[in-house]
Amino acid sequence: MTLLLVSLWANVASAAAVVGQAAPNFTATDSNGTSVSLADYKGKYVVLEWMNPVCPFTQKHYRSGNMQALQSEYRAKGVVWLSVNSADAGSSSYSPGPEMNAWGTEMKAAPSALLMDSDTSLAKLYGAKTTPHLFVVNPAGMVVYAGAIDDKRSANIEDVKIAKNFVKATLDESLAGKPVSISSTQPYGCSVKYQ
């Protein structure tokens, strides 16, 4: 069993999206059954946000309104925001599309799309480890940020107010034509439940 887990994580690590390299292309199905491809958004900034509604760390950023505020602010600036739920269909944290949509409505979530990754293939492709785990792709298709949403590694909602938000900083710098000052951090949160 240990060897199997080591092998799985080795495969995940080798497939990971890497800052400074081309973002792995993908086609996935969203919570409404629509096909979404990264290639469709060439020429735009794209945020990939791994999330899971039952995770306390995801809840921290949604119950505080932090994630929705980011989604709304940057979508208004032309950024595509793709939330990704990679809960394995056999896990207790899995919810089908209609339930995910109902949760998103309750939370007033504002992503461009919510991708359903129940076979965890997209998570494996990017090397997503936690919820949340975020990646920012620039208009040239390069990964310019990968890691945690912020520097407060807790599930405490109050910490959102005092956190340095790495994703916000990446998007602000990038949209202003500046280099990204912090392009990679260690993600924190609940582990992605791989198949």
N, C-alpha and C. Protein backbone atom coordinates (compact mmCIF):
# COMPACT_ATOMS: atom_id res chain seq x y z
N MET A 1 0.83 -1.20 0.00
CA MET A 1 0.00 0.00 0.00
C MET A 1 0.87 1.26 0.00
N THR A 2 1.93 1.26 0.83
CA THR A 2 2.82 2.42 0.88
C THR A 2 3.46 2.67 -0.47
N LEU A 3 3.90 1.60 -1.13
CA LEU A 3 4.52 1.74 -2.45
C LEU A 3 3.52 2.32 -3.44
N LEU A 4 2.26 1.90 -3.36
CA LEU A 4 1.22 2.42 -4.25
C LEU A 4 1.04 3.92 -4.03
N LEU A 5 1.01 4.35 -2.77
CA LEU A 5 0.85 5.78 -2.48
C LEU A 5 2.04 6.59 -2.96
N VAL A 6 3.25 6.04 -2.74
CA VAL A 6 4.45 6.72 -3.21
C VAL A 6 4.41 6.85 -4.72
N SER A 7 4.00 5.78 -5.40
CA SER A 7 3.90 5.79 -6.86
C SER A 7 2.86 6.81 -7.33
N LEU A 8 1.71 6.86 -6.66
CA LEU A 8 0.67 7.82 -7.03
C LEU A 8 1.18 9.24 -6.89
N TRP A 9 1.82 9.56 -5.75
CA TRP A 9 2.32 10.92 -5.55
C TRP A 9 3.46 11.25 -6.50
N ALA A 10 4.26 10.26 -6.88
CA ALA A 10 5.32 10.50 -7.86
C ALA A 10 4.70 10.88 -9.19
N ASN A 11 3.61 10.18 -9.57
CA ASN A 11 2.92 10.51 -10.82
C ASN A 11 2.29 11.88 -10.75
N VAL A 12 1.71 12.23 -9.62
CA VAL A 12 1.10 13.55 -9.45
C VAL A 12 2.17 14.62 -9.57
N ALA A 13 3.30 14.42 -8.89
CA ALA A 13 4.37 15.41 -8.91
C ALA A 13 4.92 15.60 -10.32
N SER A 14 5.06 14.50 -11.07
CA SER A 14 5.64 14.61 -12.41
C SER A 14 4.69 15.29 -13.39
N ALA A 15 3.41 15.28 -13.09
CA ALA A 15 2.44 15.87 -14.00
C ALA A 15 2.11 17.32 -13.63
N ALA A 16 2.68 17.79 -12.54
CA ALA A 16 2.28 19.10 -12.01
C ALA A 16 2.55 20.24 -12.98
N ALA A 17 1.64 21.21 -12.95
CA ALA A 17 1.85 22.46 -13.68
C ALA A 17 3.00 23.20 -13.00
N VAL A 18 3.92 23.72 -13.78
CA VAL A 18 5.12 24.34 -13.24
C VAL A 18 5.18 25.81 -13.64
N VAL A 19 5.47 26.66 -12.66
CA VAL A 19 5.61 28.09 -12.92
C VAL A 19 6.70 28.30 -13.97
N GLY A 20 6.38 29.14 -14.95
CA GLY A 20 7.33 29.43 -16.02
C GLY A 20 7.22 28.50 -17.21
N GLN A 21 6.36 27.49 -17.10
CA GLN A 21 6.14 26.57 -18.22
C GLN A 21 4.70 26.65 -18.70
N ALA A 22 4.45 26.07 -19.87
CA ALA A 22 3.09 26.08 -20.43
C ALA A 22 2.14 25.33 -19.52
N ALA A 23 0.96 25.90 -19.33
CA ALA A 23 -0.07 25.23 -18.53
C ALA A 23 -0.58 24.03 -19.31
N PRO A 24 -0.71 22.88 -18.65
CA PRO A 24 -1.25 21.71 -19.35
C PRO A 24 -2.67 21.99 -19.86
N ASN A 25 -2.90 21.70 -21.13
CA ASN A 25 -4.24 21.91 -21.68
C ASN A 25 -5.16 20.80 -21.16
N PHE A 26 -6.44 21.09 -21.11
CA PHE A 26 -7.41 20.11 -20.65
C PHE A 26 -8.78 20.45 -21.24
N THR A 27 -9.62 19.45 -21.24
CA THR A 27 -11.04 19.64 -21.51
C THR A 27 -11.77 18.93 -20.38
N ALA A 28 -12.69 19.64 -19.75
CA ALA A 28 -13.43 19.08 -18.62
C ALA A 28 -14.90 19.47 -18.76
N THR A 29 -15.73 18.83 -17.97
CA THR A 29 -17.16 19.12 -17.98
C THR A 29 -17.50 19.94 -16.75
N ASP A 30 -18.29 21.00 -16.95
CA ASP A 30 -18.66 21.83 -15.81
C ASP A 30 -19.91 21.30 -15.12
N SER A 31 -20.32 21.96 -14.07
CA SER A 31 -21.45 21.51 -13.24
C SER A 31 -22.78 21.56 -13.98
N ASN A 32 -22.81 22.19 -15.16
CA ASN A 32 -24.03 22.22 -15.98
C ASN A 32 -23.94 21.25 -17.15
N GLY A 33 -22.87 20.45 -17.22
CA GLY A 33 -22.71 19.48 -18.29
C GLY A 33 -22.08 20.04 -19.56
N THR A 34 -21.53 21.26 -19.49
CA THR A 34 -20.91 21.90 -20.65
C THR A 34 -19.42 21.60 -20.67
N SER A 35 -18.90 21.37 -21.88
CA SER A 35 -17.47 21.10 -22.04
C SER A 35 -16.69 22.41 -21.98
N VAL A 36 -15.61 22.40 -21.21
CA VAL A 36 -14.76 23.58 -21.04
C VAL A 36 -13.32 23.17 -21.32
N SER A 37 -12.63 23.93 -22.15
CA SER A 37 -11.24 23.64 -22.48
C SER A 37 -10.38 24.86 -22.16
N LEU A 38 -9.20 24.62 -21.63
CA LEU A 38 -8.29 25.73 -21.36
C LEU A 38 -7.96 26.47 -22.65
N ALA A 39 -7.85 25.75 -23.75
CA ALA A 39 -7.51 26.35 -25.04
C ALA A 39 -8.55 27.39 -25.48
N ASP A 40 -9.77 27.27 -24.99
CA ASP A 40 -10.82 28.24 -25.33
C ASP A 40 -10.49 29.64 -24.82
N TYR A 41 -9.59 29.73 -23.84
CA TYR A 41 -9.31 31.00 -23.18
C TYR A 41 -7.92 31.55 -23.51
N LYS A 42 -7.36 31.08 -24.61
CA LYS A 42 -6.06 31.61 -25.04
C LYS A 42 -6.18 33.12 -25.19
N GLY A 43 -5.17 33.85 -24.69
CA GLY A 43 -5.19 35.30 -24.76
C GLY A 43 -5.82 35.95 -23.53
N LYS A 44 -6.23 35.13 -22.56
CA LYS A 44 -6.83 35.66 -21.32
C LYS A 44 -6.07 35.12 -20.11
N TYR A 45 -6.16 35.85 -19.02
CA TYR A 45 -5.69 35.29 -17.74
C TYR A 45 -6.72 34.29 -17.27
N VAL A 46 -6.25 33.18 -16.73
CA VAL A 46 -7.14 32.14 -16.21
C VAL A 46 -6.67 31.77 -14.80
N VAL A 47 -7.60 31.72 -13.87
CA VAL A 47 -7.33 31.22 -12.52
C VAL A 47 -8.00 29.85 -12.40
N LEU A 48 -7.24 28.87 -11.93
CA LEU A 48 -7.78 27.56 -11.59
C LEU A 48 -7.77 27.45 -10.07
N GLU A 49 -8.93 27.27 -9.50
CA GLU A 49 -9.09 27.23 -8.04
C GLU A 49 -9.64 25.87 -7.62
N TRP A 50 -8.81 25.05 -7.00
CA TRP A 50 -9.31 23.78 -6.47
C TRP A 50 -10.07 24.06 -5.19
N MET A 51 -11.26 23.48 -5.07
CA MET A 51 -12.13 23.73 -3.92
C MET A 51 -12.92 22.48 -3.58
N ASN A 52 -13.46 22.45 -2.36
CA ASN A 52 -14.33 21.37 -1.93
C ASN A 52 -15.22 21.94 -0.82
N PRO A 53 -16.53 22.02 -1.05
CA PRO A 53 -17.43 22.66 -0.08
C PRO A 53 -17.39 22.10 1.34
N VAL A 54 -17.00 20.83 1.51
CA VAL A 54 -16.98 20.27 2.87
C VAL A 54 -15.66 20.54 3.58
N CYS A 55 -14.69 21.10 2.89
CA CYS A 55 -13.39 21.37 3.49
C CYS A 55 -13.43 22.67 4.30
N PRO A 56 -12.99 22.65 5.56
CA PRO A 56 -13.00 23.87 6.38
C PRO A 56 -12.16 25.01 5.79
N PHE A 57 -11.13 24.68 5.03
CA PHE A 57 -10.28 25.72 4.44
C PHE A 57 -10.99 26.38 3.25
N THR A 58 -11.72 25.58 2.47
CA THR A 58 -12.57 26.15 1.41
C THR A 58 -13.65 27.00 2.05
N GLN A 59 -14.27 26.48 3.11
CA GLN A 59 -15.33 27.22 3.79
C GLN A 59 -14.83 28.55 4.33
N LYS A 60 -13.60 28.58 4.83
CA LYS A 60 -13.01 29.83 5.34
C LYS A 60 -13.11 30.93 4.29
N HIS A 61 -12.74 30.59 3.05
CA HIS A 61 -12.68 31.61 2.00
C HIS A 61 -14.04 31.92 1.38
N TYR A 62 -14.99 30.99 1.48
CA TYR A 62 -16.33 31.25 0.95
C TYR A 62 -17.24 31.87 2.01
N ARG A 63 -17.18 31.38 3.24
CA ARG A 63 -18.05 31.94 4.30
C ARG A 63 -17.65 33.37 4.65
N SER A 64 -16.39 33.71 4.43
CA SER A 64 -15.94 35.09 4.67
C SER A 64 -16.26 36.01 3.49
N GLY A 65 -16.60 35.41 2.34
CA GLY A 65 -16.86 36.19 1.13
C GLY A 65 -15.60 36.50 0.35
N ASN A 66 -14.46 36.04 0.83
CA ASN A 66 -13.17 36.33 0.20
C ASN A 66 -13.08 35.80 -1.23
N MET A 67 -13.42 34.52 -1.42
CA MET A 67 -13.27 33.91 -2.74
C MET A 67 -14.22 34.55 -3.75
N GLN A 68 -15.46 34.78 -3.34
CA GLN A 68 -16.42 35.39 -4.25
C GLN A 68 -16.00 36.81 -4.64
N ALA A 69 -15.43 37.55 -3.69
CA ALA A 69 -14.98 38.91 -3.99
C ALA A 69 -13.86 38.88 -5.03
N LEU A 70 -12.93 37.94 -4.89
CA LEU A 70 -11.86 37.79 -5.87
C LEU A 70 -12.44 37.41 -7.23
N GLN A 71 -13.33 36.43 -7.24
CA GLN A 71 -13.94 35.99 -8.49
C GLN A 71 -14.62 37.16 -9.21
N SER A 72 -15.41 37.91 -8.48
CA SER A 72 -16.15 39.03 -9.08
C SER A 72 -15.21 40.14 -9.56
N GLU A 73 -14.25 40.51 -8.71
CA GLU A 73 -13.32 41.59 -9.06
C GLU A 73 -12.55 41.29 -10.33
N TYR A 74 -12.00 40.09 -10.41
CA TYR A 74 -11.13 39.79 -11.55
C TYR A 74 -11.89 39.36 -12.79
N ARG A 75 -13.06 38.77 -12.63
CA ARG A 75 -13.88 38.50 -13.82
C ARG A 75 -14.28 39.82 -14.47
N ALA A 76 -14.54 40.85 -13.66
CA ALA A 76 -14.88 42.17 -14.20
C ALA A 76 -13.71 42.77 -14.98
N LYS A 77 -12.49 42.28 -14.71
CA LYS A 77 -11.30 42.76 -15.42
C LYS A 77 -10.90 41.82 -16.56
N GLY A 78 -11.78 40.89 -16.90
CA GLY A 78 -11.54 40.00 -18.04
C GLY A 78 -10.85 38.69 -17.72
N VAL A 79 -10.62 38.41 -16.44
CA VAL A 79 -9.97 37.16 -16.03
C VAL A 79 -11.02 36.04 -16.02
N VAL A 80 -10.64 34.87 -16.51
CA VAL A 80 -11.51 33.69 -16.46
C VAL A 80 -11.19 32.96 -15.16
N TRP A 81 -12.22 32.65 -14.38
CA TRP A 81 -12.02 31.97 -13.09
C TRP A 81 -12.71 30.62 -13.15
N LEU A 82 -11.92 29.56 -13.08
CA LEU A 82 -12.45 28.20 -13.13
C LEU A 82 -12.25 27.52 -11.78
N SER A 83 -13.36 27.31 -11.07
CA SER A 83 -13.30 26.54 -9.84
C SER A 83 -13.32 25.06 -10.22
N VAL A 84 -12.61 24.25 -9.47
CA VAL A 84 -12.50 22.82 -9.80
C VAL A 84 -12.80 22.00 -8.54
N ASN A 85 -13.78 21.10 -8.64
CA ASN A 85 -14.07 20.18 -7.55
C ASN A 85 -13.58 18.81 -7.96
N SER A 86 -12.49 18.38 -7.34
CA SER A 86 -11.86 17.10 -7.70
C SER A 86 -12.19 15.99 -6.73
N ALA A 87 -13.30 16.06 -6.04
CA ALA A 87 -13.66 14.98 -5.13
C ALA A 87 -13.99 13.73 -5.94
N ASP A 88 -13.29 12.64 -5.63
CA ASP A 88 -13.54 11.35 -6.29
C ASP A 88 -15.02 10.98 -6.09
N ALA A 89 -15.63 10.49 -7.15
CA ALA A 89 -17.06 10.15 -7.12
C ALA A 89 -17.40 9.14 -6.02
N GLY A 90 -16.42 8.38 -5.56
CA GLY A 90 -16.68 7.40 -4.51
C GLY A 90 -16.44 7.93 -3.10
N SER A 91 -15.99 9.19 -2.98
CA SER A 91 -15.67 9.72 -1.65
C SER A 91 -16.87 10.39 -1.01
N SER A 92 -16.82 10.52 0.31
CA SER A 92 -17.93 11.14 1.05
C SER A 92 -18.04 12.64 0.77
N SER A 93 -16.99 13.24 0.22
CA SER A 93 -17.03 14.68 -0.05
C SER A 93 -17.50 15.00 -1.48
N TYR A 94 -17.89 13.98 -2.24
CA TYR A 94 -18.37 14.18 -3.60
C TYR A 94 -19.80 14.72 -3.61
N SER A 95 -20.07 15.67 -4.48
CA SER A 95 -21.43 16.16 -4.74
C SER A 95 -21.61 16.27 -6.24
N PRO A 96 -22.76 15.85 -6.78
CA PRO A 96 -22.99 15.99 -8.22
C PRO A 96 -23.22 17.45 -8.61
N GLY A 97 -23.20 17.72 -9.90
CA GLY A 97 -23.32 19.08 -10.43
C GLY A 97 -24.47 19.90 -9.86
N PRO A 98 -25.70 19.38 -9.84
CA PRO A 98 -26.81 20.19 -9.31
C PRO A 98 -26.61 20.61 -7.85
N GLU A 99 -26.02 19.71 -7.04
CA GLU A 99 -25.76 20.05 -5.64
C GLU A 99 -24.66 21.11 -5.54
N MET A 100 -23.64 20.98 -6.40
CA MET A 100 -22.57 21.98 -6.42
C MET A 100 -23.12 23.34 -6.84
N ASN A 101 -24.03 23.35 -7.81
CA ASN A 101 -24.65 24.60 -8.25
C ASN A 101 -25.47 25.23 -7.12
N ALA A 102 -26.20 24.39 -6.38
CA ALA A 102 -27.01 24.90 -5.26
C ALA A 102 -26.10 25.51 -4.20
N TRP A 103 -24.98 24.84 -3.90
CA TRP A 103 -24.02 25.37 -2.93
C TRP A 103 -23.45 26.70 -3.43
N GLY A 104 -23.09 26.75 -4.70
CA GLY A 104 -22.55 27.98 -5.29
C GLY A 104 -23.53 29.13 -5.21
N THR A 105 -24.80 28.84 -5.44
CA THR A 105 -25.84 29.86 -5.35
C THR A 105 -25.97 30.35 -3.90
N GLU A 106 -25.96 29.41 -2.97
CA GLU A 106 -26.05 29.78 -1.54
C GLU A 106 -24.87 30.66 -1.13
N MET A 107 -23.69 30.35 -1.64
CA MET A 107 -22.49 31.10 -1.29
C MET A 107 -22.31 32.37 -2.12
N LYS A 108 -23.18 32.56 -3.12
CA LYS A 108 -23.04 33.68 -4.07
C LYS A 108 -21.69 33.63 -4.78
N ALA A 109 -21.26 32.40 -5.11
CA ALA A 109 -20.01 32.19 -5.83
C ALA A 109 -20.12 32.77 -7.24
N ALA A 110 -18.99 33.22 -7.78
CA ALA A 110 -19.02 33.89 -9.08
C ALA A 110 -17.91 33.42 -10.03
N PRO A 111 -17.65 32.09 -10.10
CA PRO A 111 -16.64 31.66 -11.07
C PRO A 111 -17.21 31.72 -12.48
N SER A 112 -16.32 31.68 -13.47
CA SER A 112 -16.77 31.58 -14.86
C SER A 112 -17.42 30.22 -15.09
N ALA A 113 -16.89 29.19 -14.43
CA ALA A 113 -17.44 27.84 -14.50
C ALA A 113 -16.92 27.05 -13.31
N LEU A 114 -17.70 26.02 -12.93
CA LEU A 114 -17.30 25.09 -11.87
C LEU A 114 -17.07 23.74 -12.54
N LEU A 115 -15.83 23.32 -12.62
CA LEU A 115 -15.48 22.08 -13.30
C LEU A 115 -15.61 20.89 -12.36
N MET A 116 -16.22 19.82 -12.89
CA MET A 116 -16.43 18.60 -12.12
C MET A 116 -15.34 17.60 -12.52
N ASP A 117 -14.45 17.30 -11.59
CA ASP A 117 -13.29 16.47 -11.85
C ASP A 117 -13.37 15.21 -10.99
N SER A 118 -14.49 14.48 -11.09
CA SER A 118 -14.73 13.36 -10.18
C SER A 118 -13.79 12.18 -10.42
N ASP A 119 -13.13 12.14 -11.59
CA ASP A 119 -12.13 11.08 -11.79
C ASP A 119 -10.73 11.58 -11.41
N THR A 120 -10.64 12.79 -10.94
CA THR A 120 -9.42 13.48 -10.47
C THR A 120 -8.33 13.60 -11.55
N SER A 121 -8.70 13.46 -12.81
CA SER A 121 -7.70 13.54 -13.89
C SER A 121 -7.13 14.95 -14.03
N LEU A 122 -7.95 15.97 -13.84
CA LEU A 122 -7.47 17.36 -13.94
C LEU A 122 -6.55 17.68 -12.76
N ALA A 123 -6.92 17.22 -11.57
CA ALA A 123 -6.07 17.42 -10.39
C ALA A 123 -4.71 16.74 -10.60
N LYS A 124 -4.72 15.54 -11.17
CA LYS A 124 -3.46 14.83 -11.44
C LYS A 124 -2.63 15.59 -12.47
N LEU A 125 -3.29 16.12 -13.49
CA LEU A 125 -2.59 16.84 -14.55
C LEU A 125 -1.86 18.06 -14.00
N TYR A 126 -2.50 18.76 -13.06
CA TYR A 126 -1.91 19.98 -12.49
C TYR A 126 -1.11 19.73 -11.22
N GLY A 127 -1.27 18.55 -10.64
CA GLY A 127 -0.58 18.28 -9.39
C GLY A 127 -1.23 19.00 -8.22
N ALA A 128 -2.54 19.21 -8.30
CA ALA A 128 -3.26 19.89 -7.21
C ALA A 128 -3.22 19.02 -5.97
N LYS A 129 -2.86 19.63 -4.86
CA LYS A 129 -2.67 18.87 -3.62
C LYS A 129 -3.73 19.16 -2.57
N THR A 130 -4.24 20.38 -2.55
CA THR A 130 -5.14 20.78 -1.46
C THR A 130 -6.33 21.58 -1.98
N THR A 131 -7.31 21.73 -1.10
CA THR A 131 -8.40 22.67 -1.36
C THR A 131 -8.36 23.70 -0.24
N PRO A 132 -8.05 24.96 -0.62
CA PRO A 132 -7.80 25.44 -1.98
C PRO A 132 -6.35 25.23 -2.43
N HIS A 133 -6.16 25.16 -3.73
CA HIS A 133 -4.85 25.20 -4.40
C HIS A 133 -5.12 25.99 -5.68
N LEU A 134 -4.35 27.03 -5.91
CA LEU A 134 -4.63 27.92 -7.04
C LEU A 134 -3.47 28.02 -8.01
N PHE A 135 -3.84 28.17 -9.27
CA PHE A 135 -2.88 28.36 -10.37
C PHE A 135 -3.36 29.55 -11.18
N VAL A 136 -2.43 30.39 -11.62
CA VAL A 136 -2.76 31.50 -12.50
C VAL A 136 -2.00 31.29 -13.80
N VAL A 137 -2.74 31.33 -14.91
CA VAL A 137 -2.18 31.15 -16.25
C VAL A 137 -2.29 32.48 -16.98
N ASN A 138 -1.21 32.91 -17.63
CA ASN A 138 -1.24 34.20 -18.32
C ASN A 138 -1.78 34.06 -19.74
N PRO A 139 -2.00 35.16 -20.46
CA PRO A 139 -2.57 35.08 -21.80
C PRO A 139 -1.74 34.29 -22.80
N ALA A 140 -0.45 34.11 -22.53
CA ALA A 140 0.41 33.31 -23.41
C ALA A 140 0.33 31.82 -23.07
N GLY A 141 -0.47 31.47 -22.05
CA GLY A 141 -0.65 30.08 -21.67
C GLY A 141 0.40 29.56 -20.70
N MET A 142 1.15 30.46 -20.07
CA MET A 142 2.19 30.06 -19.13
C MET A 142 1.67 30.16 -17.69
N VAL A 143 2.10 29.22 -16.85
CA VAL A 143 1.76 29.28 -15.43
C VAL A 143 2.62 30.37 -14.78
N VAL A 144 1.97 31.37 -14.18
CA VAL A 144 2.72 32.45 -13.53
C VAL A 144 2.60 32.41 -12.00
N TYR A 145 1.69 31.58 -11.51
CA TYR A 145 1.58 31.41 -10.05
C TYR A 145 1.02 30.01 -9.79
N ALA A 146 1.52 29.38 -8.73
CA ALA A 146 0.99 28.10 -8.25
C ALA A 146 1.17 28.05 -6.74
N GLY A 147 0.09 27.76 -6.01
CA GLY A 147 0.24 27.60 -4.57
C GLY A 147 -0.98 27.98 -3.77
N ALA A 148 -0.70 28.49 -2.57
CA ALA A 148 -1.73 28.87 -1.61
C ALA A 148 -2.43 30.16 -2.02
N ILE A 149 -3.63 30.35 -1.53
CA ILE A 149 -4.34 31.60 -1.79
C ILE A 149 -3.71 32.74 -0.99
N ASP A 150 -3.23 32.43 0.23
CA ASP A 150 -2.67 33.48 1.08
C ASP A 150 -1.65 32.91 2.05
N ASP A 151 -1.17 33.76 2.95
CA ASP A 151 -0.10 33.35 3.88
C ASP A 151 -0.61 32.98 5.27
N LYS A 152 -1.91 32.84 5.46
CA LYS A 152 -2.47 32.46 6.77
C LYS A 152 -2.98 31.04 6.68
N ARG A 153 -2.13 30.10 7.07
CA ARG A 153 -2.40 28.68 6.91
C ARG A 153 -3.34 28.17 8.01
N SER A 154 -4.55 28.66 8.00
CA SER A 154 -5.52 28.24 9.01
C SER A 154 -6.91 28.15 8.38
N ALA A 155 -7.84 27.60 9.15
CA ALA A 155 -9.23 27.55 8.71
C ALA A 155 -10.05 28.64 9.41
N ASN A 156 -9.37 29.57 10.08
CA ASN A 156 -10.02 30.64 10.84
C ASN A 156 -10.46 31.77 9.90
N ILE A 157 -11.75 32.01 9.83
CA ILE A 157 -12.30 33.04 8.94
C ILE A 157 -11.69 34.42 9.23
N GLU A 158 -11.41 34.72 10.48
CA GLU A 158 -10.87 36.03 10.85
C GLU A 158 -9.50 36.29 10.22
N ASP A 159 -8.76 35.22 9.92
CA ASP A 159 -7.43 35.37 9.33
C ASP A 159 -7.46 35.97 7.93
N VAL A 160 -8.59 35.88 7.25
CA VAL A 160 -8.71 36.44 5.89
C VAL A 160 -8.41 37.94 5.91
N LYS A 161 -8.85 38.61 6.98
CA LYS A 161 -8.70 40.06 7.07
C LYS A 161 -7.25 40.53 7.14
N ILE A 162 -6.37 39.67 7.67
CA ILE A 162 -4.98 40.09 7.88
C ILE A 162 -4.00 39.34 6.97
N ALA A 163 -4.53 38.55 6.05
CA ALA A 163 -3.68 37.72 5.19
C ALA A 163 -3.12 38.50 4.01
N LYS A 164 -1.94 38.10 3.57
CA LYS A 164 -1.39 38.57 2.30
C LYS A 164 -1.92 37.61 1.25
N ASN A 165 -2.74 38.12 0.32
CA ASN A 165 -3.37 37.28 -0.68
C ASN A 165 -2.44 37.18 -1.91
N PHE A 166 -1.86 36.00 -2.10
CA PHE A 166 -0.90 35.79 -3.18
C PHE A 166 -1.56 35.84 -4.56
N VAL A 167 -2.79 35.36 -4.66
CA VAL A 167 -3.49 35.34 -5.95
C VAL A 167 -3.85 36.76 -6.37
N LYS A 168 -4.34 37.55 -5.44
CA LYS A 168 -4.65 38.96 -5.72
C LYS A 168 -3.39 39.69 -6.16
N ALA A 169 -2.29 39.49 -5.43
CA ALA A 169 -1.02 40.15 -5.78
C ALA A 169 -0.56 39.74 -7.17
N THR A 170 -0.66 38.44 -7.49
CA THR A 170 -0.26 37.95 -8.81
C THR A 170 -1.08 38.61 -9.91
N LEU A 171 -2.39 38.65 -9.73
CA LEU A 171 -3.25 39.23 -10.76
C LEU A 171 -3.04 40.74 -10.88
N ASP A 172 -2.91 41.43 -9.76
CA ASP A 172 -2.69 42.88 -9.81
C ASP A 172 -1.38 43.20 -10.53
N GLU A 173 -0.32 42.48 -10.17
CA GLU A 173 0.98 42.72 -10.81
C GLU A 173 0.92 42.38 -12.29
N SER A 174 0.35 41.24 -12.62
CA SER A 174 0.28 40.80 -14.01
C SER A 174 -0.54 41.75 -14.87
N LEU A 175 -1.69 42.15 -14.37
CA LEU A 175 -2.56 43.05 -15.14
C LEU A 175 -1.93 44.43 -15.32
N ALA A 176 -1.01 44.80 -14.42
CA ALA A 176 -0.31 46.08 -14.53
C ALA A 176 0.97 45.95 -15.37
N GLY A 177 1.22 44.75 -15.92
CA GLY A 177 2.41 44.54 -16.74
C GLY A 177 3.69 44.37 -15.96
N LYS A 178 3.57 44.08 -14.67
CA LYS A 178 4.75 43.90 -13.82
C LYS A 178 5.05 42.41 -13.64
N PRO A 179 6.31 42.08 -13.31
CA PRO A 179 6.62 40.67 -13.01
C PRO A 179 5.96 40.25 -11.69
N VAL A 180 5.66 38.97 -11.59
CA VAL A 180 5.04 38.44 -10.37
C VAL A 180 6.12 38.30 -9.30
N SER A 181 5.93 38.97 -8.16
CA SER A 181 6.96 38.99 -7.12
C SER A 181 7.04 37.67 -6.34
N ILE A 182 5.90 37.01 -6.11
CA ILE A 182 5.89 35.71 -5.44
C ILE A 182 5.10 34.77 -6.36
N SER A 183 5.82 33.88 -7.05
CA SER A 183 5.17 33.05 -8.07
C SER A 183 4.86 31.63 -7.61
N SER A 184 5.39 31.23 -6.48
CA SER A 184 5.17 29.86 -6.01
C SER A 184 5.17 29.83 -4.49
N THR A 185 4.15 29.18 -3.93
CA THR A 185 4.07 28.99 -2.48
C THR A 185 3.57 27.58 -2.20
N GLN A 186 3.70 27.15 -0.97
CA GLN A 186 3.21 25.83 -0.56
C GLN A 186 1.71 25.94 -0.29
N PRO A 187 0.87 25.17 -1.01
CA PRO A 187 -0.57 25.24 -0.75
C PRO A 187 -0.91 24.64 0.61
N TYR A 188 -2.02 25.07 1.18
CA TYR A 188 -2.49 24.48 2.44
C TYR A 188 -3.98 24.22 2.32
N GLY A 189 -4.47 23.30 3.14
CA GLY A 189 -5.90 23.00 3.14
C GLY A 189 -6.13 21.50 3.28
N CYS A 190 -7.32 21.07 2.90
CA CYS A 190 -7.65 19.65 2.91
C CYS A 190 -7.01 18.99 1.70
N SER A 191 -6.56 17.75 1.84
CA SER A 191 -5.93 17.09 0.70
C SER A 191 -6.96 16.75 -0.36
N VAL A 192 -6.55 16.87 -1.62
CA VAL A 192 -7.42 16.45 -2.73
C VAL A 192 -7.60 14.94 -2.61
N LYS A 193 -8.83 14.49 -2.71
CA LYS A 193 -9.15 13.06 -2.57
C LYS A 193 -9.00 12.37 -3.92
N TYR A 194 -7.80 11.85 -4.17
CA TYR A 194 -7.52 11.21 -5.44
C TYR A 194 -8.19 9.85 -5.55
N GLN A 195 -8.53 9.50 -6.78
CA GLN A 195 -9.17 8.24 -7.08
C GLN A 195 -8.17 7.10 -6.91
